[in-house]
């Protein structure tokens, strides 16, 4: 039996959005999202047919990357910065729990 839709869409990691929906929501192109995948910033879920599906968490990362690129940061540098910021945030969260 499938998940309850309220549980799925309340989960920020649930891959709810197609690449077309994600690009439209972010005001960017599908190619930009593919480049973020290639740069290893986001690793979208793949549907049974191989189509990319994005979570809200991944869309937030993509929006941050787009903002940085729009401000003149190279895509690869933006992705690396965001990855490091995300790792630091996670380490601080884990440290607080100990």
N, C-alpha and C. Protein backbone atom coordinates (compact mmCIF):
# COMPACT_ATOMS: atom_id res chain seq x y z
N UNK A 1 0.84 -1.19 0.00
CA UNK A 1 0.00 0.00 0.00
C UNK A 1 0.88 1.25 0.00
N UNK A 2 0.47 2.31 -0.71
CA UNK A 2 1.26 3.53 -0.85
C UNK A 2 1.23 4.38 0.40
N UNK A 3 2.07 5.40 0.39
CA UNK A 3 2.13 6.33 1.50
C UNK A 3 0.93 7.26 1.47
N UNK A 4 0.57 7.76 2.63
CA UNK A 4 -0.47 8.77 2.75
C UNK A 4 0.06 10.06 2.10
N UNK A 5 -0.71 10.69 1.20
CA UNK A 5 -0.23 11.92 0.55
C UNK A 5 0.19 13.00 1.53
N UNK A 6 -0.48 13.12 2.67
CA UNK A 6 -0.09 14.13 3.65
C UNK A 6 1.30 13.84 4.21
N UNK A 7 1.62 12.56 4.40
CA UNK A 7 2.94 12.19 4.88
C UNK A 7 4.00 12.49 3.82
N UNK A 8 3.69 12.18 2.56
CA UNK A 8 4.65 12.36 1.48
C UNK A 8 4.97 13.84 1.26
N UNK A 9 3.95 14.67 1.17
CA UNK A 9 4.17 16.07 0.83
C UNK A 9 4.58 16.90 2.03
N UNK A 10 4.43 16.37 3.23
CA UNK A 10 4.93 17.03 4.43
C UNK A 10 6.41 16.77 4.62
N UNK A 11 6.94 15.79 3.91
CA UNK A 11 8.35 15.39 4.00
C UNK A 11 9.16 16.21 3.01
N UNK A 12 10.09 17.02 3.51
CA UNK A 12 10.88 17.87 2.61
C UNK A 12 11.81 17.07 1.71
N UNK A 13 12.02 15.80 1.99
CA UNK A 13 12.88 14.96 1.16
C UNK A 13 12.11 14.08 0.18
N UNK A 14 10.78 14.18 0.19
CA UNK A 14 9.98 13.38 -0.74
C UNK A 14 10.13 13.94 -2.16
N UNK A 15 10.50 13.10 -3.12
CA UNK A 15 10.72 13.57 -4.50
C UNK A 15 9.40 13.82 -5.25
N UNK A 16 8.80 14.95 -5.01
CA UNK A 16 7.46 15.25 -5.50
C UNK A 16 7.41 15.97 -6.84
N UNK A 17 8.52 16.57 -7.27
CA UNK A 17 8.47 17.47 -8.42
C UNK A 17 9.27 16.95 -9.60
N UNK A 18 8.67 17.05 -10.78
CA UNK A 18 9.38 16.67 -12.01
C UNK A 18 10.40 17.76 -12.34
N UNK A 19 11.27 17.47 -13.27
CA UNK A 19 12.28 18.46 -13.65
C UNK A 19 11.61 19.69 -14.26
N UNK A 20 10.52 19.50 -15.01
CA UNK A 20 9.81 20.63 -15.59
C UNK A 20 9.17 21.49 -14.51
N UNK A 21 8.55 20.86 -13.54
CA UNK A 21 7.94 21.61 -12.43
C UNK A 21 9.01 22.35 -11.64
N UNK A 22 10.12 21.66 -11.36
CA UNK A 22 11.20 22.27 -10.58
C UNK A 22 11.77 23.49 -11.31
N UNK A 23 12.03 23.35 -12.60
CA UNK A 23 12.58 24.46 -13.38
C UNK A 23 11.61 25.64 -13.38
N UNK A 24 10.34 25.37 -13.54
CA UNK A 24 9.35 26.45 -13.55
C UNK A 24 9.28 27.13 -12.18
N UNK A 25 9.27 26.35 -11.13
CA UNK A 25 9.20 26.91 -9.78
C UNK A 25 10.41 27.81 -9.48
N UNK A 26 11.58 27.42 -9.99
CA UNK A 26 12.81 28.16 -9.71
C UNK A 26 13.07 29.26 -10.73
N UNK A 27 12.31 29.27 -11.81
CA UNK A 27 12.53 30.27 -12.85
C UNK A 27 13.84 30.05 -13.58
N UNK A 28 14.16 28.79 -13.80
CA UNK A 28 15.41 28.43 -14.47
C UNK A 28 15.12 27.41 -15.55
N UNK A 29 16.16 26.85 -16.12
CA UNK A 29 15.99 25.86 -17.18
C UNK A 29 16.20 24.45 -16.65
N UNK A 30 15.69 23.49 -17.38
CA UNK A 30 15.93 22.10 -17.02
C UNK A 30 17.41 21.77 -17.15
N UNK A 31 18.09 22.40 -18.11
CA UNK A 31 19.52 22.17 -18.29
C UNK A 31 20.29 22.61 -17.04
N UNK A 32 19.89 23.72 -16.44
CA UNK A 32 20.56 24.18 -15.22
C UNK A 32 20.45 23.12 -14.13
N UNK A 33 19.27 22.53 -13.99
CA UNK A 33 19.08 21.48 -12.98
C UNK A 33 19.92 20.25 -13.30
N UNK A 34 20.03 19.91 -14.57
CA UNK A 34 20.89 18.78 -14.95
C UNK A 34 22.35 19.06 -14.61
N UNK A 35 22.77 20.31 -14.80
CA UNK A 35 24.15 20.69 -14.47
C UNK A 35 24.41 20.60 -12.97
N UNK A 36 23.41 20.90 -12.15
CA UNK A 36 23.57 20.76 -10.70
C UNK A 36 23.73 19.30 -10.32
N UNK A 37 23.04 18.43 -11.05
CA UNK A 37 23.17 16.98 -10.85
C UNK A 37 24.59 16.56 -11.22
N UNK A 38 25.08 17.02 -12.36
CA UNK A 38 26.45 16.69 -12.81
C UNK A 38 27.50 17.20 -11.84
N UNK A 39 27.24 18.37 -11.23
CA UNK A 39 28.18 18.95 -10.27
C UNK A 39 28.05 18.32 -8.88
N UNK A 40 27.12 17.38 -8.75
CA UNK A 40 26.91 16.62 -7.51
C UNK A 40 26.35 17.46 -6.36
N UNK A 41 25.70 18.58 -6.70
CA UNK A 41 25.05 19.36 -5.65
C UNK A 41 23.77 18.65 -5.22
N UNK A 42 23.03 18.20 -6.20
CA UNK A 42 21.80 17.47 -5.90
C UNK A 42 21.80 16.17 -6.70
N UNK A 43 21.22 15.16 -6.12
CA UNK A 43 21.12 13.86 -6.76
C UNK A 43 19.64 13.48 -6.77
N UNK A 44 18.91 13.94 -7.80
CA UNK A 44 17.47 13.70 -7.80
C UNK A 44 17.13 12.22 -7.85
N UNK A 45 16.01 11.90 -7.24
CA UNK A 45 15.47 10.55 -7.31
C UNK A 45 15.12 10.25 -8.76
N UNK A 46 15.24 9.01 -9.17
CA UNK A 46 14.84 8.62 -10.52
C UNK A 46 13.58 7.77 -10.43
N UNK A 47 12.59 8.13 -11.25
CA UNK A 47 11.35 7.36 -11.30
C UNK A 47 11.63 6.03 -11.98
N UNK A 48 10.66 5.16 -12.00
CA UNK A 48 10.80 3.87 -12.68
C UNK A 48 11.19 4.03 -14.13
N UNK A 49 10.76 5.11 -14.75
CA UNK A 49 11.10 5.39 -16.15
C UNK A 49 12.39 6.17 -16.32
N UNK A 50 13.09 6.45 -15.22
CA UNK A 50 14.37 7.16 -15.29
C UNK A 50 14.27 8.67 -15.24
N UNK A 51 13.08 9.20 -14.99
CA UNK A 51 12.90 10.65 -14.96
C UNK A 51 13.31 11.21 -13.60
N UNK A 52 13.93 12.39 -13.63
CA UNK A 52 14.36 13.05 -12.39
C UNK A 52 13.16 13.55 -11.61
N UNK A 53 13.22 13.36 -10.29
CA UNK A 53 12.19 13.86 -9.37
C UNK A 53 12.91 14.58 -8.24
N UNK A 54 12.44 15.77 -7.90
CA UNK A 54 13.11 16.63 -6.93
C UNK A 54 12.28 16.83 -5.67
N UNK A 55 12.97 16.94 -4.55
CA UNK A 55 12.33 17.23 -3.27
C UNK A 55 12.39 18.73 -3.00
N UNK A 56 11.64 19.16 -2.01
CA UNK A 56 11.69 20.58 -1.62
C UNK A 56 13.08 20.96 -1.12
N UNK A 57 13.72 20.04 -0.41
CA UNK A 57 15.08 20.30 0.08
C UNK A 57 16.02 20.53 -1.11
N UNK A 58 15.93 19.70 -2.13
CA UNK A 58 16.78 19.85 -3.31
C UNK A 58 16.47 21.15 -4.05
N UNK A 59 15.21 21.54 -4.07
CA UNK A 59 14.84 22.79 -4.72
C UNK A 59 15.43 23.99 -3.98
N UNK A 60 15.51 23.91 -2.66
CA UNK A 60 16.14 25.00 -1.89
C UNK A 60 17.62 25.11 -2.24
N UNK A 61 18.30 23.98 -2.36
CA UNK A 61 19.71 24.00 -2.75
C UNK A 61 19.87 24.58 -4.15
N UNK A 62 19.01 24.15 -5.06
CA UNK A 62 19.06 24.64 -6.44
C UNK A 62 18.79 26.14 -6.51
N UNK A 63 17.85 26.62 -5.70
CA UNK A 63 17.55 28.05 -5.67
C UNK A 63 18.76 28.84 -5.17
N UNK A 64 19.43 28.31 -4.15
CA UNK A 64 20.63 28.97 -3.63
C UNK A 64 21.72 29.01 -4.70
N UNK A 65 21.90 27.90 -5.43
CA UNK A 65 22.90 27.86 -6.50
C UNK A 65 22.56 28.87 -7.59
N UNK A 66 21.31 28.94 -7.96
CA UNK A 66 20.90 29.88 -9.00
C UNK A 66 21.18 31.31 -8.56
N UNK A 67 20.88 31.61 -7.30
CA UNK A 67 21.13 32.95 -6.76
C UNK A 67 22.61 33.29 -6.84
N UNK A 68 23.47 32.35 -6.46
CA UNK A 68 24.91 32.60 -6.49
C UNK A 68 25.42 32.76 -7.91
N UNK A 69 24.93 31.92 -8.82
CA UNK A 69 25.35 32.02 -10.22
C UNK A 69 24.89 33.35 -10.81
N UNK A 70 23.67 33.75 -10.49
CA UNK A 70 23.15 35.04 -10.97
C UNK A 70 24.00 36.21 -10.46
N UNK A 71 24.64 36.03 -9.31
CA UNK A 71 25.50 37.08 -8.74
C UNK A 71 26.93 37.00 -9.26
N UNK A 72 27.20 36.04 -10.16
CA UNK A 72 28.50 35.98 -10.80
C UNK A 72 29.43 34.87 -10.32
N UNK A 73 28.99 34.03 -9.41
CA UNK A 73 29.81 32.91 -8.94
C UNK A 73 29.77 31.80 -9.97
N UNK A 74 30.90 31.21 -10.26
CA UNK A 74 30.94 30.07 -11.20
C UNK A 74 30.11 28.92 -10.63
N UNK A 75 29.43 28.19 -11.50
CA UNK A 75 28.54 27.11 -11.06
C UNK A 75 29.25 26.11 -10.16
N UNK A 76 30.44 25.67 -10.57
CA UNK A 76 31.16 24.67 -9.78
C UNK A 76 31.52 25.21 -8.40
N UNK A 77 31.92 26.47 -8.34
CA UNK A 77 32.26 27.09 -7.07
C UNK A 77 31.02 27.23 -6.19
N UNK A 78 29.92 27.65 -6.78
CA UNK A 78 28.67 27.79 -6.03
C UNK A 78 28.26 26.44 -5.44
N UNK A 79 28.34 25.40 -6.23
CA UNK A 79 27.97 24.06 -5.75
C UNK A 79 28.86 23.63 -4.60
N UNK A 80 30.15 23.87 -4.72
CA UNK A 80 31.08 23.48 -3.65
C UNK A 80 30.80 24.25 -2.36
N UNK A 81 30.54 25.55 -2.49
CA UNK A 81 30.23 26.37 -1.32
C UNK A 81 28.98 25.85 -0.62
N UNK A 82 27.94 25.57 -1.41
CA UNK A 82 26.67 25.10 -0.83
C UNK A 82 26.85 23.75 -0.16
N UNK A 83 27.61 22.86 -0.78
CA UNK A 83 27.88 21.55 -0.18
C UNK A 83 28.59 21.72 1.16
N UNK A 84 29.60 22.59 1.20
CA UNK A 84 30.34 22.81 2.45
C UNK A 84 29.46 23.45 3.51
N UNK A 85 28.62 24.41 3.11
CA UNK A 85 27.69 25.02 4.07
C UNK A 85 26.73 23.98 4.64
N UNK A 86 26.25 23.11 3.78
CA UNK A 86 25.31 22.07 4.20
C UNK A 86 25.99 21.08 5.16
N UNK A 87 27.23 20.71 4.85
CA UNK A 87 27.97 19.80 5.72
C UNK A 87 28.23 20.44 7.09
N UNK A 88 28.57 21.72 7.09
CA UNK A 88 28.81 22.43 8.35
C UNK A 88 27.53 22.50 9.17
N UNK A 89 26.42 22.82 8.54
CA UNK A 89 25.14 22.88 9.25
C UNK A 89 24.80 21.53 9.87
N UNK A 90 25.00 20.47 9.14
CA UNK A 90 24.72 19.12 9.65
C UNK A 90 25.65 18.78 10.82
N UNK A 91 26.93 19.11 10.70
CA UNK A 91 27.88 18.83 11.78
C UNK A 91 27.50 19.61 13.05
N UNK A 92 27.12 20.86 12.88
CA UNK A 92 26.72 21.67 14.03
C UNK A 92 25.46 21.10 14.68
N UNK A 93 24.52 20.64 13.86
CA UNK A 93 23.29 20.05 14.39
C UNK A 93 23.61 18.78 15.18
N UNK A 94 24.47 17.93 14.63
CA UNK A 94 24.84 16.70 15.33
C UNK A 94 25.60 16.99 16.61
N UNK A 95 26.46 17.99 16.57
CA UNK A 95 27.25 18.37 17.74
C UNK A 95 26.33 18.87 18.86
N UNK A 96 25.29 19.58 18.50
CA UNK A 96 24.35 20.09 19.49
C UNK A 96 23.59 18.96 20.17
N UNK A 97 23.35 17.88 19.46
CA UNK A 97 22.60 16.75 20.01
C UNK A 97 23.43 15.92 20.99
N UNK A 98 24.74 16.06 20.97
CA UNK A 98 25.60 15.24 21.84
C UNK A 98 25.73 15.82 23.21
